[in-house]
Amino acid sequence: MPLIKKDLTFPALVRLIRGYAINGSRLAEILGCSVPTAIKKMEEPKRFTLEDIYSLSITGGIPLNEIKQALR
């Protein structure tokens, strides 16, 4: 079976979140969702909503300027 590469839309955002030591369970606490949902959002960053981004900034402690740069 051939290897299929996943094409991350926003890889810099995932690197930024992991750089702040936020894993699936911590992300679930920040976003107020279940752990499997948080893991799916990390695998496919297109699933993040604006409310999720705001929660990452306020509750997660990631500066909004860094999030904006990761989304460019």
N, C-alpha and C. Protein backbone atom coordinates (compact mmCIF):
# COMPACT_ATOMS: atom_id res chain seq x y z
N MET A 1 0.85 -1.17 0.00
CA MET A 1 0.00 0.00 0.00
C MET A 1 0.89 1.23 0.00
N PRO A 2 0.62 2.20 -0.87
CA PRO A 2 1.48 3.38 -0.96
C PRO A 2 1.31 4.31 0.25
N LEU A 3 2.35 5.03 0.53
CA LEU A 3 2.33 6.00 1.62
C LEU A 3 1.59 7.24 1.17
N ILE A 4 0.62 7.65 1.96
CA ILE A 4 -0.14 8.85 1.65
C ILE A 4 0.25 9.91 2.66
N LYS A 5 0.81 11.01 2.17
CA LYS A 5 1.21 12.10 3.05
C LYS A 5 0.00 12.96 3.37
N LYS A 6 -0.10 13.33 4.65
CA LYS A 6 -1.15 14.26 5.04
C LYS A 6 -0.66 15.67 4.73
N ASP A 7 -1.53 16.45 4.16
CA ASP A 7 -1.19 17.83 3.84
C ASP A 7 -1.79 18.73 4.91
N LEU A 8 -0.96 19.14 5.86
CA LEU A 8 -1.44 20.05 6.90
C LEU A 8 -1.61 21.44 6.31
N THR A 9 -2.75 22.03 6.57
CA THR A 9 -3.02 23.36 6.06
C THR A 9 -2.25 24.42 6.84
N PHE A 10 -2.22 24.27 8.15
CA PHE A 10 -1.53 25.23 9.01
C PHE A 10 -0.51 24.52 9.90
N PRO A 11 0.58 24.02 9.33
CA PRO A 11 1.55 23.29 10.16
C PRO A 11 2.22 24.16 11.21
N ALA A 12 2.36 25.45 10.93
CA ALA A 12 3.00 26.33 11.91
C ALA A 12 2.14 26.49 13.15
N LEU A 13 0.82 26.43 13.00
CA LEU A 13 -0.07 26.53 14.15
C LEU A 13 0.09 25.32 15.06
N VAL A 14 0.18 24.14 14.47
CA VAL A 14 0.35 22.92 15.26
C VAL A 14 1.70 22.95 15.97
N ARG A 15 2.75 23.40 15.27
CA ARG A 15 4.07 23.51 15.91
C ARG A 15 4.04 24.50 17.06
N LEU A 16 3.33 25.60 16.89
CA LEU A 16 3.22 26.61 17.95
C LEU A 16 2.51 26.04 19.17
N ILE A 17 1.42 25.34 18.95
CA ILE A 17 0.67 24.75 20.07
C ILE A 17 1.53 23.72 20.80
N ARG A 18 2.20 22.87 20.05
CA ARG A 18 3.07 21.87 20.69
C ARG A 18 4.27 22.52 21.36
N GLY A 19 4.72 23.64 20.85
CA GLY A 19 5.84 24.36 21.45
C GLY A 19 5.51 24.91 22.82
N TYR A 20 4.24 25.17 23.07
CA TYR A 20 3.79 25.62 24.39
C TYR A 20 3.40 24.43 25.27
N ALA A 21 3.85 23.25 24.94
CA ALA A 21 3.63 22.01 25.69
C ALA A 21 2.14 21.73 25.89
N ILE A 22 1.36 21.95 24.85
CA ILE A 22 -0.07 21.66 24.91
C ILE A 22 -0.31 20.38 24.11
N ASN A 23 -0.71 19.33 24.83
CA ASN A 23 -1.01 18.06 24.18
C ASN A 23 -2.52 17.90 24.05
N GLY A 24 -2.98 16.73 23.67
CA GLY A 24 -4.41 16.52 23.44
C GLY A 24 -5.28 16.75 24.66
N SER A 25 -4.86 16.25 25.82
CA SER A 25 -5.69 16.42 27.02
C SER A 25 -5.69 17.86 27.50
N ARG A 26 -4.56 18.53 27.42
CA ARG A 26 -4.49 19.94 27.82
C ARG A 26 -5.31 20.81 26.86
N LEU A 27 -5.23 20.49 25.56
CA LEU A 27 -6.01 21.23 24.57
C LEU A 27 -7.51 21.04 24.81
N ALA A 28 -7.90 19.83 25.21
CA ALA A 28 -9.31 19.57 25.51
C ALA A 28 -9.78 20.43 26.68
N GLU A 29 -8.94 20.61 27.68
CA GLU A 29 -9.28 21.47 28.82
C GLU A 29 -9.44 22.93 28.37
N ILE A 30 -8.52 23.36 27.52
CA ILE A 30 -8.54 24.76 27.06
C ILE A 30 -9.78 25.04 26.21
N LEU A 31 -10.10 24.11 25.31
CA LEU A 31 -11.20 24.33 24.38
C LEU A 31 -12.55 23.94 24.95
N GLY A 32 -12.54 23.16 26.02
CA GLY A 32 -13.80 22.70 26.60
C GLY A 32 -14.47 21.64 25.76
N CYS A 33 -13.67 20.74 25.21
CA CYS A 33 -14.21 19.66 24.39
C CYS A 33 -13.63 18.33 24.87
N SER A 34 -13.96 17.25 24.21
CA SER A 34 -13.43 15.95 24.58
C SER A 34 -12.01 15.79 24.03
N VAL A 35 -11.29 14.84 24.60
CA VAL A 35 -9.91 14.60 24.18
C VAL A 35 -9.85 14.13 22.72
N PRO A 36 -10.71 13.19 22.28
CA PRO A 36 -10.65 12.80 20.86
C PRO A 36 -10.90 13.96 19.90
N THR A 37 -11.81 14.86 20.27
CA THR A 37 -12.08 16.03 19.42
C THR A 37 -10.86 16.93 19.35
N ALA A 38 -10.20 17.13 20.49
CA ALA A 38 -9.00 17.98 20.53
C ALA A 38 -7.88 17.36 19.68
N ILE A 39 -7.74 16.06 19.75
CA ILE A 39 -6.71 15.38 18.95
C ILE A 39 -7.01 15.52 17.46
N LYS A 40 -8.29 15.39 17.09
CA LYS A 40 -8.67 15.56 15.68
C LYS A 40 -8.37 16.97 15.20
N LYS A 41 -8.58 17.95 16.07
CA LYS A 41 -8.29 19.33 15.69
C LYS A 41 -6.79 19.54 15.51
N MET A 42 -5.98 18.84 16.30
CA MET A 42 -4.53 18.95 16.13
C MET A 42 -4.09 18.28 14.82
N GLU A 43 -4.76 17.19 14.45
CA GLU A 43 -4.42 16.49 13.21
C GLU A 43 -4.87 17.27 11.98
N GLU A 44 -6.00 17.96 12.10
CA GLU A 44 -6.54 18.77 11.00
C GLU A 44 -6.81 20.18 11.52
N PRO A 45 -5.84 21.07 11.44
CA PRO A 45 -6.01 22.42 12.00
C PRO A 45 -7.14 23.24 11.36
N LYS A 46 -7.66 22.80 10.22
CA LYS A 46 -8.79 23.50 9.60
C LYS A 46 -10.03 23.43 10.49
N ARG A 47 -10.07 22.50 11.41
CA ARG A 47 -11.22 22.33 12.30
C ARG A 47 -11.27 23.37 13.42
N PHE A 48 -10.18 24.11 13.65
CA PHE A 48 -10.18 25.14 14.68
C PHE A 48 -11.13 26.27 14.28
N THR A 49 -11.96 26.69 15.22
CA THR A 49 -12.84 27.82 14.98
C THR A 49 -12.20 29.08 15.56
N LEU A 50 -12.80 30.22 15.28
CA LEU A 50 -12.29 31.46 15.86
C LEU A 50 -12.39 31.44 17.38
N GLU A 51 -13.42 30.82 17.89
CA GLU A 51 -13.57 30.69 19.34
C GLU A 51 -12.44 29.83 19.93
N ASP A 52 -12.04 28.79 19.20
CA ASP A 52 -10.93 27.95 19.65
C ASP A 52 -9.63 28.75 19.68
N ILE A 53 -9.40 29.56 18.65
CA ILE A 53 -8.20 30.38 18.59
C ILE A 53 -8.18 31.38 19.75
N TYR A 54 -9.33 31.96 20.03
CA TYR A 54 -9.44 32.91 21.14
C TYR A 54 -9.16 32.20 22.47
N SER A 55 -9.67 30.98 22.63
CA SER A 55 -9.43 30.22 23.85
C SER A 55 -7.95 29.86 24.00
N LEU A 56 -7.31 29.55 22.89
CA LEU A 56 -5.87 29.27 22.94
C LEU A 56 -5.10 30.49 23.44
N SER A 57 -5.55 31.65 23.04
CA SER A 57 -4.86 32.87 23.45
C SER A 57 -5.14 33.20 24.92
N ILE A 58 -6.38 33.18 25.32
CA ILE A 58 -6.76 33.59 26.67
C ILE A 58 -6.42 32.50 27.70
N THR A 59 -6.93 31.30 27.51
CA THR A 59 -6.76 30.23 28.49
C THR A 59 -5.44 29.50 28.31
N GLY A 60 -5.02 29.32 27.07
CA GLY A 60 -3.80 28.57 26.80
C GLY A 60 -2.52 29.36 27.01
N GLY A 61 -2.63 30.67 27.03
CA GLY A 61 -1.46 31.50 27.29
C GLY A 61 -0.57 31.75 26.07
N ILE A 62 -1.09 31.48 24.89
CA ILE A 62 -0.33 31.74 23.67
C ILE A 62 -0.66 33.16 23.21
N PRO A 63 0.33 34.01 23.05
CA PRO A 63 0.04 35.39 22.61
C PRO A 63 -0.65 35.41 21.24
N LEU A 64 -1.63 36.27 21.11
CA LEU A 64 -2.41 36.35 19.88
C LEU A 64 -1.55 36.72 18.68
N ASN A 65 -0.52 37.52 18.88
CA ASN A 65 0.38 37.89 17.77
C ASN A 65 1.09 36.67 17.20
N GLU A 66 1.49 35.74 18.07
CA GLU A 66 2.16 34.52 17.60
C GLU A 66 1.18 33.64 16.83
N ILE A 67 -0.06 33.58 17.29
CA ILE A 67 -1.07 32.79 16.58
C ILE A 67 -1.32 33.38 15.19
N LYS A 68 -1.41 34.70 15.11
CA LYS A 68 -1.62 35.37 13.81
C LYS A 68 -0.48 35.05 12.85
N GLN A 69 0.75 35.09 13.35
CA GLN A 69 1.89 34.81 12.48
C GLN A 69 1.89 33.36 12.02
N ALA A 70 1.44 32.46 12.88
CA ALA A 70 1.40 31.04 12.50
C ALA A 70 0.33 30.77 11.45
N LEU A 71 -0.69 31.60 11.39
CA LEU A 71 -1.76 31.40 10.42
C LEU A 71 -1.48 32.03 9.06
N ARG A 72 -0.38 32.76 8.93
CA ARG A 72 -0.05 33.38 7.63
C ARG A 72 0.51 32.40 6.67
